[in-house]
Amino acid sequence: MAGDALTVERVEVAFGATLVLKEVSLEVAPGEFVALLGSSGCGKTTLLRAISGFAPVQAGRVLVAGRDITRLPPERRGMAMVFQSYALWPHMSVAQNIAYGLRLRGIGRAGRAARVTEVLALLGLDGLGERPVTQLSGGQRQRVALGRALAIGPGILLLDEPLSNLDARIRQSVRHEIKALQEQLGITAIHVTHDREEAMVMADRIAIMEAGRIAQLGPPEAVYNRPASPFVAAFMGADNVIALEARQTEQAVEVAAGAHNEAARLPLGPHPGEDGVHLEGAPDGPAVAHFRSEAAQLVSAGEQPPDSLVLRGRISQSSYPGGFWRYAVEVGGQRFMVDHPRRLPTGEAVGICLPAAALHLYPAGAA
C-alpha cells in the first residue's frame, strides 16, 4: 500500500452566507502524516470533509496524485475515513465490519476473507474475527474501524478525532499504534484533532487552524518552539502574556524597566526560540511576551539572572501537588502559576525569572 500526494488549492467552503474555509491551501507529500489542529469552530473538520467529498467546495480545487477530484463523490476519491464514533455495524462481527467496504466494491468471498485475515493480523486482532463488535473494548473497536478503512487499500487515510472517545491511558497507546501502522504501510494520513499533545506525537507536520485559515504549518518542533503569531503561541501552551516596552538591536532585544518588570537584555541566538528570545517581527516599542508556565522559575525579590526577563510579583496562593510546590504569583492584575522546590510563605515578594529562550516576543497588536 502506497500513499498518494494531496493538494488543496485555495479552497473555500461556505455554510449559507457564512464562509467557513477561506482560501485554504495545503500540500501533503505521499506517505506524510499531517494533523489539522485547532479549537472548535476553526474549520479543521470542514477542511477534512472538503477533502473527503462530504462538504461541497465553493471555490478552489482538491487534487490527489495530480488528479482533480473536487467534484467527485466520496467513494471515487481513493480515500477512507475513520470516524470519532467508530461507526461500526453493531449487528455484525469484527470480520464482517472489516469486510464491509470490500463487499460494496464487489470483492468476492474468498478475496474478502483473505484480506480480512491480513488486516486482523496487521492490527493484532487475530482470533477476534467472529466476535460481535459490541463485545470489544473501546481500543479494540477503534482498531476495527481502522481495519475497515485500511482493508480497501486507500491512498489517503482521513482520521476525524478517532481517539476522543477513548480513556487517557488507552488513547496514548492507540495513538502510537496508529502512527506505527501508518509508517509501516506508507499511507498518507490527515488527522483532525483538538489535542495538542496528540498532534505533536503523531504528525510529521501540524497545520494550526484559526478562523477558517491555516495560521501556521510546520514540523511539531518548529510550531512549538517558533510560533508564528500570538494566537499560535497561546494555542501551543505559551498562554501567559505580559506587556513590555522593547527595542531590537543587532544581537539582542533591550527590554525597558516597567511597572512590573526589571530592565533586561535578551540575546538573539542563531536559532531563535532555542538559543535566544523568539521574535516574530522586530519589536520597537510596545510588545507582548508569551511564555509557558513550566519555563518560569521563582527567584528572590531583586535577583536578576543574566539573559533573562524578571517579573516582580507576590505569592497569593500555594499548593502541594507532590514533589514540588505550586504558587500563584500576582504580577499587577495578572496571576501566573510557577512551580518551585521549596515552601514559601503566602504574601512573599518574589521574582518570576524567564530565560530568553523561553520567551516568544511579538509587536503589540500582532494578529
Protein backbone atom coordinates (compact mmCIF):
# COMPACT_ATOMS: atom_id res chain seq x y z
CA MET A 1 0.00 0.00 0.00
CA ALA A 2 1.44 3.38 -1.01
CA GLY A 3 0.23 6.83 -0.11
CA ASP A 4 -0.94 9.45 -2.58
CA ALA A 5 0.05 13.11 -2.70
CA LEU A 6 -2.72 15.53 -1.73
CA THR A 7 -3.04 19.14 -2.89
CA VAL A 8 -5.58 21.62 -1.58
CA GLU A 9 -5.61 24.81 -3.68
CA ARG A 10 -7.27 27.96 -2.32
CA VAL A 11 -10.33 26.02 -1.15
CA GLU A 12 -13.38 27.87 0.13
CA VAL A 13 -16.39 26.29 1.83
CA ALA A 14 -19.48 28.18 2.96
CA PHE A 15 -22.50 27.18 5.00
CA GLY A 16 -25.21 29.53 3.85
CA ALA A 17 -23.80 33.06 3.98
CA THR A 18 -21.01 32.05 6.38
CA LEU A 19 -17.58 31.42 4.84
CA VAL A 20 -16.07 28.62 6.92
CA LEU A 21 -12.89 27.94 4.91
CA LYS A 22 -11.10 30.95 3.42
CA GLU A 23 -8.71 30.18 0.54
CA VAL A 24 -7.03 27.28 2.34
CA SER A 25 -4.03 25.74 0.58
CA LEU A 26 -2.14 22.65 1.73
CA GLU A 27 0.41 20.30 0.15
CA VAL A 28 0.79 16.80 1.63
CA ALA A 29 3.52 14.52 0.35
CA PRO A 30 2.95 10.79 -0.30
CA GLY A 31 3.25 8.89 2.98
CA GLU A 32 3.18 12.03 5.11
CA PHE A 33 1.13 12.35 8.32
CA VAL A 34 -0.40 15.82 8.73
CA ALA A 35 -2.50 16.85 11.73
CA LEU A 36 -5.14 19.58 11.47
CA LEU A 37 -5.09 21.12 14.93
CA GLY A 38 -7.40 23.74 16.37
CA SER A 39 -10.25 24.54 18.71
CA SER A 40 -13.94 24.01 17.95
CA GLY A 41 -15.19 26.10 15.04
CA CYS A 42 -11.78 26.79 13.48
CA GLY A 43 -12.57 24.87 10.28
CA LYS A 44 -10.42 21.76 10.71
CA THR A 45 -13.29 19.26 10.39
CA THR A 46 -14.76 21.21 7.47
CA LEU A 47 -11.39 21.00 5.70
CA LEU A 48 -11.32 17.23 6.25
CA ARG A 49 -14.86 16.96 4.89
CA ALA A 50 -13.94 19.08 1.85
CA ILE A 51 -11.01 16.74 1.17
CA SER A 52 -13.20 13.66 1.57
CA GLY A 53 -16.07 14.99 -0.56
CA PHE A 54 -18.66 15.29 2.22
CA ALA A 55 -18.60 19.12 2.13
CA PRO A 56 -19.09 20.86 -1.25
CA VAL A 57 -16.32 23.25 -2.30
CA GLN A 58 -17.41 26.72 -3.44
CA ALA A 59 -14.01 27.71 -4.82
CA GLY A 60 -10.59 26.15 -5.29
CA ARG A 61 -9.52 22.58 -6.06
CA VAL A 62 -8.64 19.30 -4.36
CA LEU A 63 -6.15 17.09 -6.19
CA VAL A 64 -4.92 13.56 -5.44
CA ALA A 65 -1.71 12.50 -7.19
CA GLY A 66 -2.22 15.45 -9.54
CA ARG A 67 -5.79 14.43 -10.48
CA ASP A 68 -8.58 16.94 -9.83
CA ILE A 69 -11.17 15.22 -7.62
CA THR A 70 -13.00 18.35 -6.44
CA ARG A 71 -16.36 17.30 -7.92
CA LEU A 72 -16.06 13.54 -7.39
CA PRO A 73 -18.25 11.79 -4.80
CA PRO A 74 -16.52 10.41 -1.68
CA GLU A 75 -16.49 6.78 -2.90
CA ARG A 76 -14.48 7.69 -6.01
CA ARG A 77 -11.67 9.62 -4.28
CA GLY A 78 -9.45 6.72 -3.23
CA MET A 79 -9.74 7.68 0.43
CA ALA A 80 -11.06 6.08 3.60
CA MET A 81 -12.20 7.75 6.81
CA VAL A 82 -12.11 6.70 10.46
CA PHE A 83 -14.78 8.49 12.46
CA GLN A 84 -14.88 9.73 16.03
CA SER A 85 -17.88 7.48 16.78
CA TYR A 86 -16.27 4.35 15.21
CA ALA A 87 -19.47 3.97 13.05
CA LEU A 88 -19.34 0.17 13.30
CA TRP A 89 -22.34 -2.03 12.48
CA PRO A 90 -23.42 -3.40 15.90
CA HIS A 91 -25.18 -6.46 14.39
CA MET A 92 -22.01 -7.56 12.55
CA SER A 93 -18.92 -9.41 13.69
CA VAL A 94 -15.43 -7.95 13.61
CA ALA A 95 -14.69 -9.68 10.30
CA GLN A 96 -17.96 -8.56 8.73
CA ASN A 97 -17.29 -4.95 9.70
CA ILE A 98 -13.78 -5.03 8.25
CA ALA A 99 -15.07 -6.65 5.05
CA TYR A 100 -17.94 -4.19 4.59
CA GLY A 101 -16.16 -1.84 2.18
CA LEU A 102 -14.75 -4.79 0.22
CA ARG A 103 -18.24 -6.21 -0.26
CA LEU A 104 -19.50 -2.85 -1.53
CA ARG A 105 -16.70 -2.89 -4.09
CA GLY A 106 -17.73 -6.29 -5.39
CA ILE A 107 -14.79 -8.27 -3.99
CA GLY A 108 -15.63 -11.99 -3.88
CA ARG A 109 -15.97 -14.02 -0.71
CA ALA A 110 -12.54 -15.64 -0.95
CA GLY A 111 -10.85 -12.32 -1.64
CA ARG A 112 -12.68 -10.70 1.27
CA ALA A 113 -11.71 -13.49 3.65
CA ALA A 114 -8.04 -13.30 2.68
CA ARG A 115 -7.94 -9.53 3.08
CA VAL A 116 -9.74 -9.65 6.44
CA THR A 117 -7.25 -12.23 7.73
CA GLU A 118 -4.39 -9.98 6.64
CA VAL A 119 -5.90 -6.90 8.31
CA LEU A 120 -6.70 -8.75 11.56
CA ALA A 121 -3.05 -9.82 11.80
CA LEU A 122 -1.87 -6.32 10.97
CA LEU A 123 -3.93 -4.83 13.81
CA GLY A 124 -3.23 -7.53 16.39
CA LEU A 125 -6.85 -8.74 16.34
CA ASP A 126 -6.15 -12.38 15.44
CA GLY A 127 -8.79 -14.70 16.80
CA LEU A 128 -11.42 -11.97 17.15
CA GLY A 129 -12.88 -12.11 13.66
CA GLU A 130 -16.12 -13.83 14.68
CA ARG A 131 -16.65 -11.81 17.85
CA PRO A 132 -19.52 -9.28 17.86
CA VAL A 133 -18.14 -5.74 17.92
CA THR A 134 -20.42 -5.00 20.88
CA GLN A 135 -18.22 -7.27 22.98
CA LEU A 136 -15.00 -5.36 22.28
CA SER A 137 -13.24 -2.73 24.35
CA GLY A 138 -13.05 0.86 23.11
CA GLY A 139 -9.48 0.39 21.91
CA GLN A 140 -10.39 -2.80 20.04
CA ARG A 141 -13.38 -1.09 18.39
CA GLN A 142 -11.13 1.68 17.19
CA ARG A 143 -8.78 -0.90 15.68
CA VAL A 144 -11.72 -2.49 13.87
CA ALA A 145 -12.78 0.91 12.49
CA LEU A 146 -9.20 1.47 11.35
CA GLY A 147 -9.10 -2.01 9.83
CA ARG A 148 -12.29 -1.38 7.85
CA ALA A 149 -10.69 1.78 6.43
CA LEU A 150 -7.38 0.08 5.59
CA ALA A 151 -8.97 -3.04 4.08
CA ILE A 152 -9.90 -1.24 0.86
CA GLY A 153 -6.29 -0.11 0.29
CA PRO A 154 -6.85 3.67 0.24
CA GLY A 155 -4.18 6.07 -0.96
CA ILE A 156 -5.18 8.56 1.74
CA LEU A 157 -6.44 7.84 5.27
CA LEU A 158 -8.62 10.50 6.92
CA LEU A 159 -8.92 10.46 10.72
CA ASP A 160 -11.69 12.54 12.30
CA GLU A 161 -10.75 12.77 16.02
CA PRO A 162 -10.71 8.96 16.20
CA LEU A 163 -9.27 8.79 19.73
CA SER A 164 -11.51 11.25 21.55
CA ASN A 165 -13.84 8.52 22.89
CA LEU A 166 -11.03 6.53 24.49
CA ASP A 167 -9.81 6.99 28.04
CA ALA A 168 -6.44 8.68 28.53
CA ARG A 169 -4.38 5.52 29.05
CA ILE A 170 -5.79 3.69 26.02
CA ARG A 171 -5.57 6.86 23.91
CA GLN A 172 -1.82 7.12 24.48
CA SER A 173 -1.31 3.52 23.41
CA VAL A 174 -3.54 3.66 20.33
CA ARG A 175 -2.02 6.90 19.02
CA HIS A 176 1.40 5.23 18.86
CA GLU A 177 -0.12 2.15 17.21
CA ILE A 178 -1.79 4.25 14.50
CA LYS A 179 1.41 6.17 13.82
CA ALA A 180 3.49 2.97 13.62
CA LEU A 181 0.95 1.39 11.28
CA GLN A 182 0.83 4.47 9.05
CA GLU A 183 4.62 4.48 8.75
CA GLN A 184 4.71 0.73 8.09
CA LEU A 185 2.17 0.98 5.28
CA GLY A 186 3.49 4.25 3.86
CA ILE A 187 -0.03 5.61 3.65
CA THR A 188 -0.80 9.34 3.54
CA ALA A 189 -2.78 10.44 6.61
CA ILE A 190 -4.75 13.58 7.53
CA HIS A 191 -5.73 13.67 11.18
CA VAL A 192 -8.16 16.13 12.78
CA THR A 193 -7.68 16.75 16.50
CA HIS A 194 -8.08 19.42 19.17
CA ASP A 195 -5.47 17.69 21.35
CA ARG A 196 -2.09 19.40 21.09
CA GLU A 197 -0.10 16.50 22.52
CA GLU A 198 -1.81 14.05 20.17
CA ALA A 199 -0.85 16.15 17.16
CA MET A 200 2.74 16.55 18.41
CA VAL A 201 3.20 12.81 18.95
CA MET A 202 1.60 11.57 15.73
CA ALA A 203 2.18 14.12 12.97
CA ASP A 204 5.11 14.79 10.67
CA ARG A 205 3.68 18.30 10.25
CA ILE A 206 0.97 20.23 12.07
CA ALA A 207 -1.42 22.72 10.47
CA ILE A 208 -2.83 25.00 13.17
CA MET A 209 -6.15 26.43 12.04
CA GLU A 210 -7.68 29.73 13.09
CA ALA A 211 -10.99 31.14 11.83
CA GLY A 212 -11.04 29.16 8.60
CA ARG A 213 -7.38 29.62 7.69
CA ILE A 214 -4.09 27.84 8.38
CA ALA A 215 -2.29 30.04 10.89
CA GLN A 216 0.94 28.03 10.78
CA LEU A 217 2.15 24.82 9.13
CA GLY A 218 5.33 23.03 10.07
CA PRO A 219 7.01 20.16 11.95
CA PRO A 220 5.93 19.79 15.59
CA GLU A 221 9.18 21.16 17.00
CA ALA A 222 9.03 24.25 14.77
CA VAL A 223 5.43 25.05 15.62
CA TYR A 224 6.13 24.52 19.32
CA ASN A 225 9.43 26.42 19.54
CA ARG A 226 8.81 29.10 16.90
CA PRO A 227 5.10 30.00 16.88
CA ALA A 228 4.38 32.47 14.08
CA SER A 229 1.79 34.56 15.93
CA PRO A 230 0.43 35.26 19.41
CA PHE A 231 -2.53 33.00 18.58
CA VAL A 232 -0.29 30.06 17.73
CA ALA A 233 1.91 30.71 20.78
CA ALA A 234 -1.11 30.65 23.09
CA PHE A 235 -2.58 27.57 21.43
CA MET A 236 0.72 25.72 21.76
CA GLY A 237 0.79 26.35 25.51
CA ALA A 238 2.59 29.70 25.76
CA ASP A 239 -0.60 31.33 27.00
CA ASN A 240 0.94 33.53 29.70
CA VAL A 241 1.23 37.09 28.35
CA ILE A 242 2.96 40.17 29.67
CA ALA A 243 3.12 43.64 28.05
CA LEU A 244 6.58 45.17 27.62
CA GLU A 245 8.50 48.02 26.00
CA ALA A 246 11.19 46.52 23.79
CA ARG A 247 13.74 47.52 21.17
CA GLN A 248 15.70 45.19 18.92
CA THR A 249 19.41 45.74 18.37
CA GLU A 250 21.79 43.73 16.21
CA GLN A 251 22.39 40.96 18.75
CA ALA A 252 19.73 41.39 21.42
CA VAL A 253 16.36 42.73 22.46
CA GLU A 254 16.54 45.50 25.04
CA VAL A 255 13.54 45.46 27.39
CA ALA A 256 12.88 48.66 29.33
CA ALA A 257 12.07 48.54 33.02
CA GLY A 258 8.32 48.66 33.54
CA ALA A 259 5.76 48.75 36.31
CA HIS A 260 6.15 45.01 36.87
CA ASN A 261 9.43 44.01 35.24
CA GLU A 262 13.12 44.74 35.54
CA ALA A 263 15.13 46.04 32.58
CA ALA A 264 16.68 43.17 30.64
CA ARG A 265 18.91 42.37 27.71
CA LEU A 266 17.71 39.24 25.90
CA PRO A 267 20.20 37.72 23.45
CA LEU A 268 19.32 36.72 19.89
CA GLY A 269 20.78 33.32 19.05
CA PRO A 270 21.48 31.75 15.66
CA HIS A 271 18.41 29.56 16.20
CA PRO A 272 15.61 31.77 17.56
CA GLY A 273 13.49 30.17 20.24
CA GLU A 274 16.30 27.74 21.11
CA ASP A 275 19.39 29.84 21.82
CA GLY A 276 17.73 33.19 22.34
CA VAL A 277 14.43 35.01 22.52
CA HIS A 278 12.00 34.13 19.72
CA LEU A 279 10.96 37.12 17.61
CA GLU A 280 8.19 37.30 15.04
CA GLY A 281 8.51 40.82 13.70
CA ALA A 282 11.02 43.32 15.07
CA PRO A 283 9.64 44.95 18.23
CA ASP A 284 10.35 48.66 18.53
CA GLY A 285 8.11 49.94 21.28
CA PRO A 286 5.08 48.21 22.81
CA ALA A 287 5.37 44.41 22.65
CA VAL A 288 3.86 41.30 24.20
CA ALA A 289 5.83 38.35 25.53
CA HIS A 290 4.28 34.87 25.63
CA PHE A 291 5.69 32.10 27.81
CA ARG A 292 4.83 28.68 29.22
CA SER A 293 4.41 28.22 32.95
CA GLU A 294 6.87 25.31 33.01
CA ALA A 295 9.61 27.63 31.69
CA ALA A 296 9.24 30.05 34.62
CA GLN A 297 11.39 29.92 37.76
CA LEU A 298 10.99 31.71 41.09
CA VAL A 299 13.88 33.87 42.29
CA SER A 300 14.31 36.13 45.27
CA ALA A 301 12.97 39.66 45.04
CA GLY A 302 15.63 41.88 43.44
CA GLU A 303 17.58 38.98 41.93
CA GLN A 304 18.39 39.44 38.22
CA PRO A 305 19.89 36.38 36.46
CA PRO A 306 21.66 37.22 33.18
CA ASP A 307 19.94 36.84 29.79
CA SER A 308 16.54 36.65 31.46
CA LEU A 309 13.43 38.73 31.99
CA VAL A 310 12.31 39.05 35.62
CA LEU A 311 8.75 39.94 36.57
CA ARG A 312 8.11 41.40 40.02
CA GLY A 313 5.27 39.76 41.91
CA ARG A 314 3.92 38.43 45.18
CA ILE A 315 2.77 34.94 46.14
CA SER A 316 -1.02 34.87 46.56
CA GLN A 317 -1.67 31.15 46.86
CA SER A 318 0.20 27.87 47.23
CA SER A 319 -0.49 24.17 46.84
CA TYR A 320 1.48 20.93 47.01
CA PRO A 321 0.66 18.58 44.08
CA GLY A 322 3.51 16.23 45.07
CA GLY A 323 7.29 16.59 44.76
CA PHE A 324 7.20 20.40 44.49
CA TRP A 325 5.18 23.45 45.49
CA ARG A 326 2.93 25.27 43.03
CA TYR A 327 2.50 29.01 43.58
CA ALA A 328 0.09 31.54 42.15
CA VAL A 329 2.08 34.75 41.76
CA GLU A 330 0.29 38.06 41.30
CA VAL A 331 2.00 40.43 38.85
CA GLY A 332 -0.04 43.59 38.62
CA GLY A 333 -3.55 42.39 37.86
CA GLN A 334 -2.38 39.07 36.41
CA ARG A 335 -1.77 35.71 38.04
CA PHE A 336 0.90 33.27 36.88
CA MET A 337 1.42 29.71 38.10
CA VAL A 338 5.02 28.77 38.91
CA ASP A 339 6.45 25.55 40.41
CA HIS A 340 9.24 25.68 42.99
CA PRO A 341 11.02 23.02 45.11
CA ARG A 342 10.77 24.88 48.46
CA ARG A 343 7.88 26.04 50.60
CA LEU A 344 7.47 29.82 50.64
CA PRO A 345 5.01 31.91 52.64
CA THR A 346 1.94 33.47 51.06
CA GLY A 347 2.45 37.19 50.55
CA GLU A 348 6.21 36.96 49.98
CA ALA A 349 7.65 39.21 47.25
CA VAL A 350 9.35 37.15 44.54
CA GLY A 351 10.59 37.40 41.00
CA ILE A 352 9.44 35.26 38.07
CA CYS A 353 12.56 34.55 36.02
CA LEU A 354 12.06 33.85 32.32
CA PRO A 355 15.16 32.82 30.33
CA ALA A 356 15.43 34.39 26.88
CA ALA A 357 14.84 31.08 25.08
CA ALA A 358 11.51 30.69 26.91
CA LEU A 359 10.09 33.95 25.53
CA HIS A 360 8.09 34.49 22.35
CA LEU A 361 8.04 38.22 21.64
CA TYR A 362 5.66 39.97 19.24
CA PRO A 363 4.86 43.61 18.48
CA ALA A 364 1.78 44.73 20.41
CA GLY A 365 -1.33 44.30 18.28
CA ALA A 366 0.13 41.50 16.17
CA ALA A 367 -2.51 39.08 14.93
